[in-house]
């Protein structure tokens, strides 16, 4: 599964909040993916293919800054847990 987006944040949430970019959930909200900036500003992609699967998460090792454009691409190999 893959997703991408061009993003520019005027301000970034920190602490316990995240900055959602692209969220798609199916089957009552238990399957799908969430592309966001985590609470430290790092791009992160999480998802699972069905309710019985564990959630797979990939997080970048860098953070973004406000008022800059970024092209974020996320890829998860959910069937192989990668």
N, C-alpha and C. Protein backbone atom coordinates (compact mmCIF):
# COMPACT_ATOMS: atom_id res chain seq x y z
N UNK A 1 0.83 -1.14 0.00
CA UNK A 1 0.00 0.00 0.00
C UNK A 1 0.89 1.23 0.00
N UNK A 2 0.50 2.23 -0.76
CA UNK A 2 1.28 3.47 -0.78
C UNK A 2 0.34 4.67 -0.84
N UNK A 3 0.85 5.78 -0.38
CA UNK A 3 0.12 7.05 -0.43
C UNK A 3 1.14 8.17 -0.50
N UNK A 4 0.73 9.31 -1.02
CA UNK A 4 1.63 10.46 -1.05
C UNK A 4 0.81 11.74 -0.97
N UNK A 5 1.46 12.81 -0.57
CA UNK A 5 0.79 14.10 -0.47
C UNK A 5 1.82 15.22 -0.46
N UNK A 6 1.46 16.36 -1.04
CA UNK A 6 2.21 17.59 -0.86
C UNK A 6 1.60 18.30 0.33
N UNK A 7 2.42 18.71 1.28
CA UNK A 7 1.88 19.34 2.49
C UNK A 7 2.68 20.58 2.87
N UNK A 8 1.98 21.52 3.48
CA UNK A 8 2.60 22.70 4.08
C UNK A 8 1.77 23.04 5.30
N UNK A 9 2.39 22.99 6.47
CA UNK A 9 1.70 23.31 7.72
C UNK A 9 2.08 24.72 8.15
N UNK A 10 1.08 25.51 8.51
CA UNK A 10 1.35 26.84 9.06
C UNK A 10 1.91 26.75 10.48
N UNK A 11 1.48 25.72 11.18
CA UNK A 11 1.97 25.45 12.54
C UNK A 11 1.89 23.94 12.77
N UNK A 12 2.77 23.40 13.59
CA UNK A 12 2.78 21.97 13.87
C UNK A 12 2.32 21.72 15.30
N UNK A 13 1.44 20.74 15.47
CA UNK A 13 1.02 20.33 16.81
C UNK A 13 2.13 19.52 17.46
N UNK A 14 2.29 19.66 18.73
CA UNK A 14 3.29 18.88 19.48
C UNK A 14 2.63 18.28 20.71
N UNK A 15 3.40 17.58 21.49
CA UNK A 15 2.86 16.94 22.69
C UNK A 15 2.15 15.65 22.33
N UNK A 16 0.88 15.55 22.66
CA UNK A 16 0.14 14.32 22.37
C UNK A 16 -0.62 14.39 21.06
N UNK A 17 -0.61 15.53 20.37
CA UNK A 17 -1.36 15.69 19.12
C UNK A 17 -0.54 15.24 17.92
N UNK A 18 -1.24 14.87 16.85
CA UNK A 18 -0.61 14.57 15.57
C UNK A 18 -1.19 15.49 14.51
N UNK A 19 -0.51 15.60 13.39
CA UNK A 19 -0.95 16.41 12.26
C UNK A 19 -1.37 15.44 11.16
N UNK A 20 -2.65 15.13 11.07
CA UNK A 20 -3.14 14.18 10.07
C UNK A 20 -3.03 14.77 8.67
N UNK A 21 -2.58 13.92 7.74
CA UNK A 21 -2.44 14.31 6.34
C UNK A 21 -3.46 13.57 5.48
N UNK A 22 -3.48 12.26 5.59
CA UNK A 22 -4.35 11.43 4.76
C UNK A 22 -4.78 10.24 5.60
N UNK A 23 -6.05 10.15 5.92
CA UNK A 23 -6.56 9.07 6.75
C UNK A 23 -7.69 8.36 6.01
N UNK A 24 -7.51 7.06 5.77
CA UNK A 24 -8.53 6.24 5.12
C UNK A 24 -8.75 5.00 5.96
N UNK A 25 -9.98 4.81 6.44
CA UNK A 25 -10.31 3.60 7.18
C UNK A 25 -11.53 2.94 6.56
N UNK A 26 -11.52 1.63 6.51
CA UNK A 26 -12.60 0.83 5.94
C UNK A 26 -13.15 -0.11 7.01
N UNK A 27 -14.21 -0.78 6.72
CA UNK A 27 -14.77 -1.81 7.62
C UNK A 27 -14.97 -1.31 9.04
N UNK A 28 -15.68 -0.23 9.19
CA UNK A 28 -15.98 0.27 10.52
C UNK A 28 -14.80 0.89 11.24
N UNK A 29 -13.78 1.31 10.52
CA UNK A 29 -12.65 1.98 11.14
C UNK A 29 -11.54 1.08 11.64
N UNK A 30 -11.60 -0.22 11.35
CA UNK A 30 -10.59 -1.14 11.86
C UNK A 30 -9.49 -1.46 10.85
N UNK A 31 -9.69 -1.18 9.59
CA UNK A 31 -8.66 -1.43 8.58
C UNK A 31 -8.46 -0.15 7.76
N UNK A 32 -7.25 0.05 7.27
CA UNK A 32 -6.95 1.23 6.48
C UNK A 32 -5.57 1.76 6.82
N UNK A 33 -5.38 3.08 6.61
CA UNK A 33 -4.07 3.67 6.89
C UNK A 33 -4.22 5.11 7.36
N UNK A 34 -3.15 5.61 7.95
CA UNK A 34 -3.09 6.98 8.46
C UNK A 34 -1.70 7.53 8.18
N UNK A 35 -1.61 8.52 7.31
CA UNK A 35 -0.37 9.25 7.04
C UNK A 35 -0.44 10.54 7.84
N UNK A 36 0.54 10.76 8.71
CA UNK A 36 0.52 11.95 9.56
C UNK A 36 1.93 12.38 9.95
N UNK A 37 2.00 13.48 10.66
CA UNK A 37 3.22 13.86 11.36
C UNK A 37 2.96 13.50 12.81
N UNK A 38 3.87 12.75 13.40
CA UNK A 38 3.66 12.35 14.80
C UNK A 38 3.88 13.54 15.73
N UNK A 39 3.81 13.31 17.02
CA UNK A 39 3.87 14.42 17.97
C UNK A 39 5.23 15.10 18.07
N UNK A 40 6.24 14.60 17.35
CA UNK A 40 7.53 15.28 17.29
C UNK A 40 7.82 15.83 15.90
N UNK A 41 6.83 15.78 14.99
CA UNK A 41 6.97 16.34 13.65
C UNK A 41 7.56 15.40 12.62
N UNK A 42 7.70 14.11 12.96
CA UNK A 42 8.23 13.13 12.02
C UNK A 42 7.10 12.54 11.17
N UNK A 43 7.29 12.45 9.84
CA UNK A 43 6.28 11.78 9.01
C UNK A 43 6.14 10.32 9.44
N UNK A 44 4.90 9.83 9.49
CA UNK A 44 4.63 8.47 9.93
C UNK A 44 3.45 7.91 9.14
N UNK A 45 3.54 6.63 8.79
CA UNK A 45 2.46 5.93 8.10
C UNK A 45 2.14 4.67 8.88
N UNK A 46 0.87 4.49 9.23
CA UNK A 46 0.41 3.31 9.94
C UNK A 46 -0.75 2.68 9.18
N UNK A 47 -0.88 1.37 9.28
CA UNK A 47 -2.02 0.73 8.63
C UNK A 47 -2.10 -0.76 8.93
N UNK A 48 -3.24 -1.33 8.58
CA UNK A 48 -3.41 -2.77 8.67
C UNK A 48 -4.48 -3.17 7.66
N UNK A 49 -4.38 -4.41 7.18
CA UNK A 49 -5.26 -4.87 6.11
C UNK A 49 -6.55 -5.47 6.61
N UNK A 50 -6.59 -5.91 7.86
CA UNK A 50 -7.83 -6.44 8.44
C UNK A 50 -7.74 -6.33 9.96
N UNK A 51 -8.88 -6.45 10.60
CA UNK A 51 -8.96 -6.26 12.04
C UNK A 51 -8.04 -7.19 12.82
N UNK A 52 -7.87 -8.42 12.34
CA UNK A 52 -7.04 -9.39 13.08
C UNK A 52 -5.54 -9.14 12.92
N UNK A 53 -5.13 -8.29 11.98
CA UNK A 53 -3.71 -7.96 11.80
C UNK A 53 -3.26 -6.94 12.84
N UNK A 54 -1.97 -6.98 13.16
CA UNK A 54 -1.43 -5.92 14.00
C UNK A 54 -1.20 -4.69 13.13
N UNK A 55 -1.16 -3.54 13.75
CA UNK A 55 -0.92 -2.29 13.02
C UNK A 55 0.56 -2.19 12.69
N UNK A 56 0.87 -1.91 11.44
CA UNK A 56 2.25 -1.72 10.98
C UNK A 56 2.50 -0.22 10.90
N UNK A 57 3.65 0.23 11.39
CA UNK A 57 3.98 1.66 11.38
C UNK A 57 5.40 1.86 10.87
N UNK A 58 5.55 2.84 9.99
CA UNK A 58 6.87 3.27 9.52
C UNK A 58 6.99 4.76 9.83
N UNK A 59 8.09 5.16 10.49
CA UNK A 59 8.28 6.55 10.89
C UNK A 59 9.64 7.03 10.38
N UNK A 60 9.65 8.20 9.76
CA UNK A 60 10.89 8.78 9.25
C UNK A 60 11.78 9.23 10.40
N UNK A 61 13.08 9.29 10.16
CA UNK A 61 14.02 9.69 11.22
C UNK A 61 14.38 11.17 11.14
N UNK A 62 13.48 11.97 10.57
CA UNK A 62 13.67 13.42 10.51
C UNK A 62 12.32 14.09 10.76
N UNK A 63 12.36 15.35 11.15
CA UNK A 63 11.12 16.08 11.40
C UNK A 63 10.97 17.21 10.38
N UNK A 64 9.73 17.66 10.20
CA UNK A 64 9.43 18.74 9.27
C UNK A 64 9.29 20.05 10.03
N UNK A 65 9.40 21.15 9.31
CA UNK A 65 9.25 22.48 9.89
C UNK A 65 8.02 23.15 9.31
N UNK A 66 7.43 24.06 10.06
CA UNK A 66 6.28 24.82 9.58
C UNK A 66 6.70 25.74 8.44
N UNK A 67 5.74 26.09 7.60
CA UNK A 67 5.88 27.07 6.52
C UNK A 67 6.82 26.63 5.40
N UNK A 68 6.98 25.32 5.22
CA UNK A 68 7.75 24.77 4.10
C UNK A 68 6.91 23.71 3.40
N UNK A 69 7.05 23.61 2.08
CA UNK A 69 6.37 22.56 1.32
C UNK A 69 7.21 21.29 1.34
N UNK A 70 6.52 20.14 1.49
CA UNK A 70 7.16 18.83 1.47
C UNK A 70 6.31 17.87 0.65
N UNK A 71 6.97 16.97 -0.07
CA UNK A 71 6.27 15.87 -0.73
C UNK A 71 6.56 14.62 0.08
N UNK A 72 5.51 14.09 0.71
CA UNK A 72 5.66 12.93 1.59
C UNK A 72 5.09 11.71 0.89
N UNK A 73 5.87 10.64 0.86
CA UNK A 73 5.45 9.37 0.28
C UNK A 73 5.62 8.28 1.33
N UNK A 74 4.59 7.46 1.51
CA UNK A 74 4.65 6.39 2.47
C UNK A 74 4.28 5.07 1.81
N UNK A 75 5.03 4.01 2.13
CA UNK A 75 4.78 2.68 1.58
C UNK A 75 4.82 1.68 2.72
N UNK A 76 3.78 0.84 2.82
CA UNK A 76 3.75 -0.25 3.79
C UNK A 76 3.49 -1.55 3.05
N UNK A 77 4.26 -2.57 3.36
CA UNK A 77 4.04 -3.92 2.84
C UNK A 77 3.30 -4.70 3.93
N UNK A 78 2.01 -4.44 4.05
CA UNK A 78 1.22 -4.98 5.16
C UNK A 78 1.18 -6.50 5.18
N UNK A 79 0.97 -7.20 4.05
CA UNK A 79 0.94 -8.67 4.13
C UNK A 79 2.22 -9.30 4.67
N UNK A 80 3.37 -8.62 4.46
CA UNK A 80 4.65 -9.14 4.94
C UNK A 80 5.13 -8.45 6.20
N UNK A 81 4.28 -7.65 6.83
CA UNK A 81 4.62 -6.92 8.07
C UNK A 81 5.83 -6.04 7.94
N UNK A 82 5.98 -5.35 6.80
CA UNK A 82 7.09 -4.41 6.57
C UNK A 82 6.55 -3.02 6.27
